């Protein structure tokens, strides 16, 4: 996959919005050192380019009564595209499954699941999951303690492009007496 070209302002926007997606444009522009209009244009471009995939609140599962967190390895009966497609379609409809990955190794899929309690998890694993299309077997691991769950992505591998005349002009902003540099 091609690594996107971003500059220092884009990097700052991504970092700040990962920490707090509720920042107003004014707060964001102040934090990254860019005037509001260019900050908004850049944020919209990052959204349109898919680097910002969306915004959502991170909820606390245990406080919401979802006390069981499990990771489930799923083995399908056969390695055919139709079985995988049917399984994936069925998983999309299950609210207990908060993430599903097709993986390499001993299993075909890895599910990240939350349930209210052990009885709810047992019902899901035995009655629901084992009844889904093509499921041959499952192996579960229950989380005992949440050590880290940030949801933020590392950005250190992105190498910011050098400042361009446009980014210098954006930094100056429209309220400055200094002349803007145009393309």
N, C-alpha and C. Protein backbone atom coordinates (compact mmCIF):
# COMPACT_ATOMS: atom_id res chain seq x y z
N UNK A 1 0.84 -1.18 0.00
CA UNK A 1 0.00 0.00 0.00
C UNK A 1 0.88 1.24 0.00
N UNK A 2 0.47 2.22 -0.77
CA UNK A 2 1.21 3.46 -0.90
C UNK A 2 1.00 4.32 0.34
N UNK A 3 2.10 4.81 0.91
CA UNK A 3 2.02 5.69 2.08
C UNK A 3 1.63 7.08 1.59
N UNK A 4 0.61 7.69 2.19
CA UNK A 4 0.15 9.00 1.73
C UNK A 4 1.19 10.08 1.97
N UNK A 5 1.14 11.09 1.12
CA UNK A 5 2.03 12.24 1.28
C UNK A 5 1.31 13.26 2.15
N UNK A 6 1.90 13.55 3.27
CA UNK A 6 1.35 14.55 4.19
C UNK A 6 2.47 15.50 4.59
N UNK A 7 2.09 16.69 5.02
CA UNK A 7 3.11 17.59 5.53
C UNK A 7 2.93 17.71 7.05
N UNK A 8 3.71 18.57 7.64
CA UNK A 8 3.71 18.69 9.10
C UNK A 8 2.35 19.11 9.64
N UNK A 9 1.65 20.01 8.94
CA UNK A 9 0.33 20.44 9.40
C UNK A 9 -0.67 19.28 9.34
N UNK A 10 -0.63 18.49 8.26
CA UNK A 10 -1.51 17.32 8.15
C UNK A 10 -1.24 16.36 9.30
N UNK A 11 0.03 16.12 9.59
CA UNK A 11 0.41 15.23 10.69
C UNK A 11 -0.16 15.74 12.02
N UNK A 12 -0.03 17.03 12.23
CA UNK A 12 -0.54 17.61 13.48
C UNK A 12 -2.06 17.46 13.57
N UNK A 13 -2.75 17.69 12.46
CA UNK A 13 -4.21 17.54 12.44
C UNK A 13 -4.59 16.11 12.78
N UNK A 14 -3.95 15.14 12.14
CA UNK A 14 -4.24 13.73 12.41
C UNK A 14 -4.00 13.38 13.87
N UNK A 15 -2.88 13.84 14.40
CA UNK A 15 -2.53 13.54 15.80
C UNK A 15 -3.55 14.14 16.76
N UNK A 16 -3.88 15.39 16.57
CA UNK A 16 -4.81 16.07 17.48
C UNK A 16 -6.21 15.46 17.41
N UNK A 17 -6.70 15.16 16.20
CA UNK A 17 -8.05 14.61 16.08
C UNK A 17 -8.13 13.18 16.60
N UNK A 18 -7.03 12.44 16.56
CA UNK A 18 -7.04 11.11 17.18
C UNK A 18 -7.19 11.22 18.69
N UNK A 19 -6.59 12.24 19.27
CA UNK A 19 -6.67 12.44 20.71
C UNK A 19 -8.03 12.98 21.13
N UNK A 20 -8.61 13.86 20.31
CA UNK A 20 -9.90 14.47 20.63
C UNK A 20 -10.63 14.83 19.35
N UNK A 21 -11.51 13.96 18.91
CA UNK A 21 -12.28 14.18 17.69
C UNK A 21 -13.35 15.24 17.83
N UNK A 22 -13.55 15.76 19.04
CA UNK A 22 -14.58 16.78 19.27
C UNK A 22 -14.02 18.20 19.22
N UNK A 23 -12.75 18.34 18.89
CA UNK A 23 -12.18 19.68 18.80
C UNK A 23 -12.93 20.51 17.77
N UNK A 24 -13.19 21.77 18.10
CA UNK A 24 -13.73 22.67 17.09
C UNK A 24 -12.61 23.03 16.13
N UNK A 25 -12.96 23.53 14.98
CA UNK A 25 -11.93 23.94 14.02
C UNK A 25 -11.06 25.04 14.61
N UNK A 26 -11.67 25.94 15.39
CA UNK A 26 -10.89 27.02 16.01
C UNK A 26 -9.86 26.45 16.99
N UNK A 27 -10.29 25.48 17.81
CA UNK A 27 -9.36 24.86 18.77
C UNK A 27 -8.26 24.10 18.02
N UNK A 28 -8.65 23.37 16.99
CA UNK A 28 -7.69 22.59 16.21
C UNK A 28 -6.68 23.51 15.54
N UNK A 29 -7.15 24.57 14.93
CA UNK A 29 -6.23 25.48 14.23
C UNK A 29 -5.25 26.12 15.20
N UNK A 30 -5.72 26.44 16.41
CA UNK A 30 -4.82 27.02 17.42
C UNK A 30 -3.77 26.00 17.85
N UNK A 31 -4.19 24.76 18.07
CA UNK A 31 -3.25 23.73 18.53
C UNK A 31 -2.17 23.41 17.51
N UNK A 32 -2.52 23.45 16.22
CA UNK A 32 -1.53 23.08 15.20
C UNK A 32 -0.79 24.27 14.63
N UNK A 33 -1.21 25.49 14.99
CA UNK A 33 -0.51 26.68 14.54
C UNK A 33 -0.83 27.05 13.11
N UNK A 34 -2.10 26.95 12.76
CA UNK A 34 -2.54 27.27 11.40
C UNK A 34 -3.82 28.08 11.51
N UNK A 35 -4.04 29.02 10.61
CA UNK A 35 -5.27 29.81 10.68
C UNK A 35 -6.48 28.92 10.39
N UNK A 36 -7.67 29.31 10.86
CA UNK A 36 -8.85 28.45 10.77
C UNK A 36 -9.26 27.99 9.37
N UNK A 37 -9.28 28.88 8.39
CA UNK A 37 -9.74 28.48 7.06
C UNK A 37 -8.87 27.39 6.43
N UNK A 38 -7.55 27.56 6.40
CA UNK A 38 -6.72 26.49 5.84
C UNK A 38 -6.79 25.21 6.66
N UNK A 39 -6.96 25.34 7.98
CA UNK A 39 -7.08 24.16 8.83
C UNK A 39 -8.32 23.37 8.44
N UNK A 40 -9.44 24.06 8.23
CA UNK A 40 -10.67 23.39 7.83
C UNK A 40 -10.53 22.75 6.46
N UNK A 41 -9.91 23.47 5.51
CA UNK A 41 -9.69 22.90 4.17
C UNK A 41 -8.85 21.63 4.25
N UNK A 42 -7.80 21.65 5.05
CA UNK A 42 -6.94 20.48 5.19
C UNK A 42 -7.68 19.32 5.84
N UNK A 43 -8.45 19.61 6.88
CA UNK A 43 -9.20 18.56 7.56
C UNK A 43 -10.19 17.92 6.59
N UNK A 44 -10.89 18.72 5.82
CA UNK A 44 -11.84 18.18 4.83
C UNK A 44 -11.13 17.35 3.78
N UNK A 45 -9.93 17.79 3.35
CA UNK A 45 -9.17 17.02 2.37
C UNK A 45 -8.73 15.68 2.95
N UNK A 46 -8.30 15.69 4.21
CA UNK A 46 -7.91 14.43 4.87
C UNK A 46 -9.10 13.48 4.99
N UNK A 47 -10.30 14.04 5.21
CA UNK A 47 -11.52 13.22 5.24
C UNK A 47 -11.83 12.68 3.85
N UNK A 48 -11.80 13.55 2.85
CA UNK A 48 -12.11 13.13 1.47
C UNK A 48 -11.12 12.10 0.96
N UNK A 49 -9.85 12.22 1.36
CA UNK A 49 -8.82 11.26 0.93
C UNK A 49 -8.89 9.95 1.72
N UNK A 50 -9.77 9.91 2.73
CA UNK A 50 -9.94 8.68 3.50
C UNK A 50 -8.94 8.48 4.62
N UNK A 51 -8.06 9.45 4.86
CA UNK A 51 -7.11 9.32 5.97
C UNK A 51 -7.83 9.49 7.30
N UNK A 52 -8.87 10.31 7.31
CA UNK A 52 -9.79 10.38 8.45
C UNK A 52 -11.03 9.63 8.00
N UNK A 53 -11.24 8.45 8.58
CA UNK A 53 -12.33 7.58 8.14
C UNK A 53 -13.66 7.92 8.80
N UNK A 54 -13.65 8.65 9.89
CA UNK A 54 -14.89 9.01 10.57
C UNK A 54 -14.60 9.43 11.99
N UNK A 55 -15.66 9.76 12.70
CA UNK A 55 -15.54 10.21 14.09
C UNK A 55 -16.54 9.42 14.92
N UNK A 56 -16.13 9.00 16.10
CA UNK A 56 -17.05 8.31 16.99
C UNK A 56 -16.56 8.43 18.42
N UNK A 57 -17.50 8.29 19.36
CA UNK A 57 -17.14 8.30 20.77
C UNK A 57 -16.67 6.91 21.16
N UNK A 58 -15.63 6.84 21.97
CA UNK A 58 -15.14 5.56 22.48
C UNK A 58 -15.86 5.29 23.81
N UNK A 59 -16.70 4.27 23.82
CA UNK A 59 -17.51 3.96 25.00
C UNK A 59 -16.79 2.96 25.90
N UNK A 60 -17.13 2.98 27.18
CA UNK A 60 -16.53 2.07 28.15
C UNK A 60 -17.44 0.86 28.31
N UNK A 61 -17.05 -0.27 27.72
CA UNK A 61 -17.88 -1.48 27.71
C UNK A 61 -18.27 -1.96 29.11
N UNK A 62 -17.33 -2.13 30.05
CA UNK A 62 -17.73 -2.61 31.38
C UNK A 62 -18.74 -1.69 32.08
N UNK A 63 -18.55 -0.38 31.94
CA UNK A 63 -19.48 0.55 32.58
C UNK A 63 -20.86 0.52 31.94
N UNK A 64 -20.93 0.02 30.70
CA UNK A 64 -22.20 -0.11 30.00
C UNK A 64 -22.81 -1.50 30.21
N UNK A 65 -22.21 -2.29 31.09
CA UNK A 65 -22.76 -3.61 31.39
C UNK A 65 -22.28 -4.71 30.46
N UNK A 66 -21.25 -4.44 29.69
CA UNK A 66 -20.66 -5.45 28.81
C UNK A 66 -19.34 -5.90 29.43
N UNK A 67 -19.45 -6.79 30.43
CA UNK A 67 -18.30 -7.15 31.24
C UNK A 67 -17.40 -8.24 30.70
N UNK A 68 -17.82 -8.92 29.63
CA UNK A 68 -17.00 -10.00 29.07
C UNK A 68 -16.46 -9.55 27.71
N UNK A 69 -15.15 -9.58 27.61
CA UNK A 69 -14.45 -9.27 26.36
C UNK A 69 -13.72 -10.53 25.95
N UNK A 70 -13.95 -10.95 24.72
CA UNK A 70 -13.34 -12.20 24.26
C UNK A 70 -12.76 -12.04 22.86
N UNK A 71 -11.77 -12.86 22.59
CA UNK A 71 -11.20 -12.98 21.25
C UNK A 71 -11.44 -14.42 20.83
N UNK A 72 -12.05 -14.59 19.68
CA UNK A 72 -12.45 -15.93 19.25
C UNK A 72 -11.83 -16.23 17.89
N UNK A 73 -11.10 -17.34 17.85
CA UNK A 73 -10.56 -17.83 16.58
C UNK A 73 -11.62 -18.74 15.97
N UNK A 74 -11.94 -18.49 14.71
CA UNK A 74 -12.98 -19.26 14.02
C UNK A 74 -12.35 -20.07 12.90
N UNK A 75 -12.71 -21.34 12.84
CA UNK A 75 -12.24 -22.24 11.79
C UNK A 75 -13.44 -22.60 10.92
N UNK A 76 -13.31 -22.37 9.62
CA UNK A 76 -14.39 -22.73 8.71
C UNK A 76 -14.23 -24.17 8.24
N UNK A 77 -15.34 -24.76 7.81
CA UNK A 77 -15.33 -26.15 7.34
C UNK A 77 -14.47 -26.32 6.10
N UNK A 78 -14.56 -25.38 5.20
CA UNK A 78 -13.79 -25.49 3.97
C UNK A 78 -13.31 -24.11 3.55
N UNK A 79 -12.22 -24.09 2.84
CA UNK A 79 -11.59 -22.86 2.41
C UNK A 79 -12.08 -22.46 1.02
N UNK A 80 -13.35 -22.16 0.91
CA UNK A 80 -13.88 -21.71 -0.37
C UNK A 80 -14.48 -20.32 -0.20
N UNK A 81 -14.46 -19.58 -1.26
CA UNK A 81 -14.90 -18.19 -1.21
C UNK A 81 -16.35 -18.06 -0.77
N UNK A 82 -17.21 -18.96 -1.20
CA UNK A 82 -18.62 -18.89 -0.84
C UNK A 82 -18.83 -19.05 0.67
N UNK A 83 -18.12 -19.99 1.30
CA UNK A 83 -18.24 -20.20 2.74
C UNK A 83 -17.77 -18.96 3.49
N UNK A 84 -16.68 -18.38 3.05
CA UNK A 84 -16.16 -17.17 3.70
C UNK A 84 -17.15 -16.02 3.54
N UNK A 85 -17.70 -15.85 2.36
CA UNK A 85 -18.65 -14.78 2.11
C UNK A 85 -19.90 -14.93 2.99
N UNK A 86 -20.41 -16.16 3.11
CA UNK A 86 -21.59 -16.42 3.94
C UNK A 86 -21.29 -16.14 5.41
N UNK A 87 -20.13 -16.58 5.88
CA UNK A 87 -19.75 -16.34 7.27
C UNK A 87 -19.63 -14.84 7.54
N UNK A 88 -18.94 -14.14 6.66
CA UNK A 88 -18.74 -12.70 6.84
C UNK A 88 -20.07 -11.96 6.86
N UNK A 89 -20.99 -12.33 5.98
CA UNK A 89 -22.31 -11.69 5.95
C UNK A 89 -23.05 -11.92 7.26
N UNK A 90 -22.95 -13.13 7.81
CA UNK A 90 -23.63 -13.44 9.06
C UNK A 90 -23.02 -12.67 10.23
N UNK A 91 -21.71 -12.54 10.24
CA UNK A 91 -21.02 -11.83 11.33
C UNK A 91 -21.38 -10.35 11.33
N UNK A 92 -21.58 -9.77 10.16
CA UNK A 92 -21.92 -8.35 10.09
C UNK A 92 -23.21 -8.03 10.83
N UNK A 93 -24.10 -9.00 10.96
CA UNK A 93 -25.38 -8.79 11.64
C UNK A 93 -25.33 -9.03 13.14
N UNK A 94 -24.19 -9.43 13.67
CA UNK A 94 -24.09 -9.75 15.10
C UNK A 94 -23.54 -8.57 15.89
N UNK A 95 -24.35 -7.96 16.75
CA UNK A 95 -23.87 -6.79 17.50
C UNK A 95 -22.79 -7.12 18.53
N UNK A 96 -22.70 -8.38 18.96
CA UNK A 96 -21.66 -8.76 19.92
C UNK A 96 -20.27 -8.68 19.29
N UNK A 97 -20.21 -8.84 17.99
CA UNK A 97 -18.92 -8.81 17.28
C UNK A 97 -18.58 -7.36 16.96
N UNK A 98 -17.57 -6.84 17.67
CA UNK A 98 -17.20 -5.44 17.44
C UNK A 98 -16.06 -5.33 16.44
N UNK A 99 -15.39 -6.44 16.13
CA UNK A 99 -14.38 -6.46 15.07
C UNK A 99 -14.24 -7.90 14.57
N UNK A 100 -13.97 -8.03 13.29
CA UNK A 100 -13.76 -9.34 12.68
C UNK A 100 -12.65 -9.20 11.64
N UNK A 101 -11.67 -10.08 11.73
CA UNK A 101 -10.54 -10.04 10.81
C UNK A 101 -10.35 -11.40 10.16
N UNK A 102 -10.10 -11.42 8.89
CA UNK A 102 -9.64 -12.63 8.21
C UNK A 102 -8.14 -12.69 8.48
N UNK A 103 -7.66 -13.85 8.97
CA UNK A 103 -6.27 -13.93 9.43
C UNK A 103 -5.53 -15.12 8.82
N UNK A 104 -4.22 -15.07 8.93
CA UNK A 104 -3.39 -16.19 8.55
C UNK A 104 -3.17 -17.07 9.77
N UNK A 105 -2.66 -18.25 9.56
CA UNK A 105 -2.33 -19.13 10.69
C UNK A 105 -3.31 -20.27 10.83
N UNK A 106 -3.50 -20.72 12.07
CA UNK A 106 -4.32 -21.89 12.35
C UNK A 106 -5.82 -21.65 12.16
N UNK A 107 -6.26 -20.41 12.27
CA UNK A 107 -7.69 -20.13 12.12
C UNK A 107 -7.94 -19.28 10.88
N UNK A 108 -9.21 -19.16 10.55
CA UNK A 108 -9.58 -18.38 9.37
C UNK A 108 -9.97 -16.95 9.72
N UNK A 109 -10.57 -16.79 10.91
CA UNK A 109 -11.03 -15.47 11.35
C UNK A 109 -10.70 -15.27 12.81
N UNK A 110 -10.54 -14.00 13.19
CA UNK A 110 -10.39 -13.62 14.58
C UNK A 110 -11.48 -12.60 14.88
N UNK A 111 -12.30 -12.92 15.88
CA UNK A 111 -13.39 -12.03 16.27
C UNK A 111 -13.06 -11.36 17.61
N UNK A 112 -13.44 -10.12 17.72
CA UNK A 112 -13.37 -9.37 18.97
C UNK A 112 -14.82 -9.20 19.40
N UNK A 113 -15.17 -9.78 20.55
CA UNK A 113 -16.57 -9.89 20.96
C UNK A 113 -16.76 -9.33 22.37
N UNK A 114 -17.91 -8.68 22.60
CA UNK A 114 -18.29 -8.26 23.95
C UNK A 114 -19.66 -8.83 24.28
N UNK A 115 -19.83 -9.22 25.54
CA UNK A 115 -21.10 -9.75 26.03
C UNK A 115 -21.33 -9.23 27.45
N UNK A 116 -22.58 -9.32 27.90
CA UNK A 116 -22.90 -8.85 29.25
C UNK A 116 -22.19 -9.66 30.33
N UNK A 117 -22.25 -10.99 30.20
CA UNK A 117 -21.70 -11.86 31.24
C UNK A 117 -21.31 -13.20 30.62
N UNK A 118 -20.84 -14.13 31.45
CA UNK A 118 -20.39 -15.43 30.94
C UNK A 118 -21.53 -16.23 30.34
N UNK A 119 -22.73 -16.13 30.91
CA UNK A 119 -23.88 -16.82 30.32
C UNK A 119 -24.17 -16.30 28.92
N UNK A 120 -24.11 -14.99 28.76
CA UNK A 120 -24.33 -14.38 27.45
C UNK A 120 -23.25 -14.79 26.45
N UNK A 121 -22.01 -14.86 26.94
CA UNK A 121 -20.92 -15.29 26.07
C UNK A 121 -21.09 -16.76 25.67
N UNK A 122 -21.46 -17.61 26.63
CA UNK A 122 -21.67 -19.04 26.33
C UNK A 122 -22.77 -19.21 25.29
N UNK A 123 -23.84 -18.46 25.44
CA UNK A 123 -24.93 -18.51 24.45
C UNK A 123 -24.41 -18.10 23.07
N UNK A 124 -23.68 -16.99 23.03
CA UNK A 124 -23.17 -16.51 21.74
C UNK A 124 -22.23 -17.54 21.11
N UNK A 125 -21.27 -18.03 21.89
CA UNK A 125 -20.27 -18.96 21.34
C UNK A 125 -20.88 -20.28 20.89
N UNK A 126 -21.73 -20.87 21.72
CA UNK A 126 -22.28 -22.19 21.41
C UNK A 126 -23.49 -22.15 20.49
N UNK A 127 -24.45 -21.32 20.83
CA UNK A 127 -25.71 -21.34 20.11
C UNK A 127 -25.70 -20.49 18.85
N UNK A 128 -25.05 -19.34 18.92
CA UNK A 128 -25.05 -18.43 17.77
C UNK A 128 -23.88 -18.71 16.83
N UNK A 129 -22.67 -18.57 17.35
CA UNK A 129 -21.48 -18.67 16.49
C UNK A 129 -21.34 -20.04 15.83
N UNK A 130 -21.53 -21.09 16.60
CA UNK A 130 -21.40 -22.43 16.02
C UNK A 130 -22.51 -22.73 15.02
N UNK A 131 -23.56 -21.94 15.04
CA UNK A 131 -24.65 -22.12 14.08
C UNK A 131 -24.50 -21.28 12.81
N UNK A 132 -23.46 -20.45 12.74
CA UNK A 132 -23.27 -19.63 11.55
C UNK A 132 -22.78 -20.49 10.39
N UNK A 133 -23.05 -20.04 9.17
CA UNK A 133 -22.68 -20.82 7.99
C UNK A 133 -21.19 -21.16 7.93
N UNK A 134 -20.89 -22.43 7.75
CA UNK A 134 -19.53 -22.89 7.51
C UNK A 134 -18.62 -23.00 8.71
N UNK A 135 -19.09 -22.71 9.92
CA UNK A 135 -18.22 -22.75 11.10
C UNK A 135 -17.99 -24.20 11.51
N UNK A 136 -16.71 -24.58 11.55
CA UNK A 136 -16.32 -25.93 11.96
C UNK A 136 -15.96 -25.97 13.44
N UNK A 137 -15.31 -24.92 13.92
CA UNK A 137 -14.89 -24.88 15.31
C UNK A 137 -14.46 -23.49 15.72
N UNK A 138 -14.43 -23.28 17.04
CA UNK A 138 -14.00 -22.00 17.59
C UNK A 138 -13.07 -22.24 18.77
N UNK A 139 -12.21 -21.30 19.00
CA UNK A 139 -11.32 -21.32 20.17
C UNK A 139 -11.38 -19.92 20.78
N UNK A 140 -11.76 -19.85 22.05
CA UNK A 140 -11.98 -18.56 22.69
C UNK A 140 -10.92 -18.24 23.73
N UNK A 141 -10.64 -16.97 23.86
CA UNK A 141 -9.79 -16.45 24.93
C UNK A 141 -10.53 -15.28 25.55
N UNK A 142 -10.74 -15.34 26.86
CA UNK A 142 -11.40 -14.25 27.57
C UNK A 142 -10.34 -13.28 28.08
N UNK A 143 -10.62 -11.99 27.95
CA UNK A 143 -9.71 -10.98 28.46
C UNK A 143 -9.90 -10.87 29.97
N UNK A 144 -8.82 -10.94 30.71
CA UNK A 144 -8.87 -10.84 32.16
C UNK A 144 -8.76 -9.39 32.64
N UNK A 145 -7.99 -8.60 31.89
CA UNK A 145 -7.75 -7.22 32.29
C UNK A 145 -7.44 -6.40 31.05
N UNK A 146 -7.97 -5.21 30.99
CA UNK A 146 -7.68 -4.30 29.90
C UNK A 146 -6.40 -3.54 30.25
N UNK A 147 -5.32 -3.81 29.53
CA UNK A 147 -4.05 -3.15 29.80
C UNK A 147 -3.92 -1.88 28.96
N UNK A 148 -4.25 -1.96 27.69
CA UNK A 148 -4.20 -0.81 26.81
C UNK A 148 -5.29 -0.96 25.75
N UNK A 149 -6.01 0.13 25.53
CA UNK A 149 -7.05 0.13 24.51
C UNK A 149 -7.23 1.57 24.05
N UNK A 150 -6.28 2.06 23.29
CA UNK A 150 -6.30 3.48 22.94
C UNK A 150 -7.09 3.78 21.68
N UNK A 151 -7.01 2.93 20.70
CA UNK A 151 -7.69 3.21 19.44
C UNK A 151 -6.95 4.20 18.56
N UNK A 152 -5.82 4.74 19.03
CA UNK A 152 -5.06 5.69 18.20
C UNK A 152 -3.99 4.93 17.42
N UNK A 153 -3.76 5.38 16.21
CA UNK A 153 -2.77 4.76 15.34
C UNK A 153 -1.42 5.47 15.46
N UNK A 154 -0.32 4.73 15.38
CA UNK A 154 0.99 5.38 15.37
C UNK A 154 1.19 6.08 14.03
N UNK A 155 1.79 7.26 14.07
CA UNK A 155 2.00 8.03 12.84
C UNK A 155 3.47 8.28 12.56
N UNK A 156 4.36 7.71 13.37
CA UNK A 156 5.78 7.95 13.24
C UNK A 156 6.38 7.50 11.92
N UNK A 157 5.74 6.57 11.23
CA UNK A 157 6.26 6.08 9.95
C UNK A 157 6.00 7.05 8.81
N UNK A 158 5.09 8.01 9.02
CA UNK A 158 4.82 9.01 7.99
C UNK A 158 5.92 10.04 8.02
N UNK A 159 6.51 10.30 6.91
CA UNK A 159 7.57 11.29 6.80
C UNK A 159 6.97 12.54 6.19
N UNK A 160 6.80 13.61 6.99
CA UNK A 160 6.18 14.83 6.44
C UNK A 160 6.98 15.39 5.29
N UNK A 161 6.26 15.81 4.25
CA UNK A 161 6.92 16.47 3.13
C UNK A 161 7.38 17.84 3.60
N UNK A 162 8.38 18.40 2.92
CA UNK A 162 8.87 19.72 3.34
C UNK A 162 7.79 20.78 3.15
N UNK A 163 7.95 21.90 3.84
CA UNK A 163 6.99 23.00 3.72
C UNK A 163 6.95 23.49 2.29
N UNK A 164 5.75 23.77 1.85
CA UNK A 164 5.56 24.32 0.50
C UNK A 164 5.20 25.80 0.64
N UNK A 165 5.31 26.56 -0.44
CA UNK A 165 4.87 27.97 -0.35
C UNK A 165 3.44 28.09 0.15
N UNK A 166 2.56 27.15 -0.25
CA UNK A 166 1.18 27.21 0.19
C UNK A 166 1.06 27.02 1.69
N UNK A 167 1.84 26.09 2.25
CA UNK A 167 1.74 25.86 3.70
C UNK A 167 2.29 27.05 4.47
N UNK A 168 3.28 27.73 3.92
CA UNK A 168 3.79 28.94 4.57
C UNK A 168 2.72 30.02 4.53
N UNK A 169 2.02 30.16 3.40
CA UNK A 169 0.95 31.14 3.29
C UNK A 169 -0.19 30.80 4.24
N UNK A 170 -0.51 29.52 4.38
CA UNK A 170 -1.57 29.12 5.31
C UNK A 170 -1.19 29.47 6.73
N UNK A 171 0.07 29.31 7.08
CA UNK A 171 0.55 29.61 8.42
C UNK A 171 0.37 31.09 8.73
N UNK A 172 0.64 31.92 7.74
CA UNK A 172 0.54 33.37 7.94
C UNK A 172 -0.92 33.75 8.18
N UNK A 173 -1.83 33.19 7.40
CA UNK A 173 -3.25 33.44 7.59
C UNK A 173 -3.70 34.72 6.94
N UNK A 174 -4.99 34.86 6.79
CA UNK A 174 -5.54 36.00 6.07
C UNK A 174 -5.54 37.28 6.89
N UNK A 175 -5.42 37.17 8.20
CA UNK A 175 -5.46 38.36 9.03
C UNK A 175 -4.08 38.99 9.22
N UNK A 176 -3.06 38.43 8.64
CA UNK A 176 -1.70 38.95 8.78
C UNK A 176 -1.45 40.05 7.75
N UNK A 177 -0.55 40.97 8.06
CA UNK A 177 -0.18 42.05 7.12
C UNK A 177 0.88 41.57 6.13
N UNK A 178 1.46 40.40 6.37
CA UNK A 178 2.47 39.89 5.45
C UNK A 178 1.80 39.42 4.17
N UNK A 179 2.45 39.62 3.02
CA UNK A 179 1.81 39.17 1.77
C UNK A 179 1.74 37.66 1.72
N UNK A 180 0.65 37.17 1.13
CA UNK A 180 0.49 35.73 0.95
C UNK A 180 1.27 35.28 -0.28
N UNK A 181 1.78 34.10 -0.24
CA UNK A 181 2.47 33.52 -1.37
C UNK A 181 1.43 32.75 -2.17
N UNK A 182 1.31 33.03 -3.44
CA UNK A 182 0.31 32.36 -4.28
C UNK A 182 0.97 31.35 -5.20
N UNK A 183 0.15 30.41 -5.66
CA UNK A 183 0.64 29.41 -6.61
C UNK A 183 0.87 30.03 -7.96
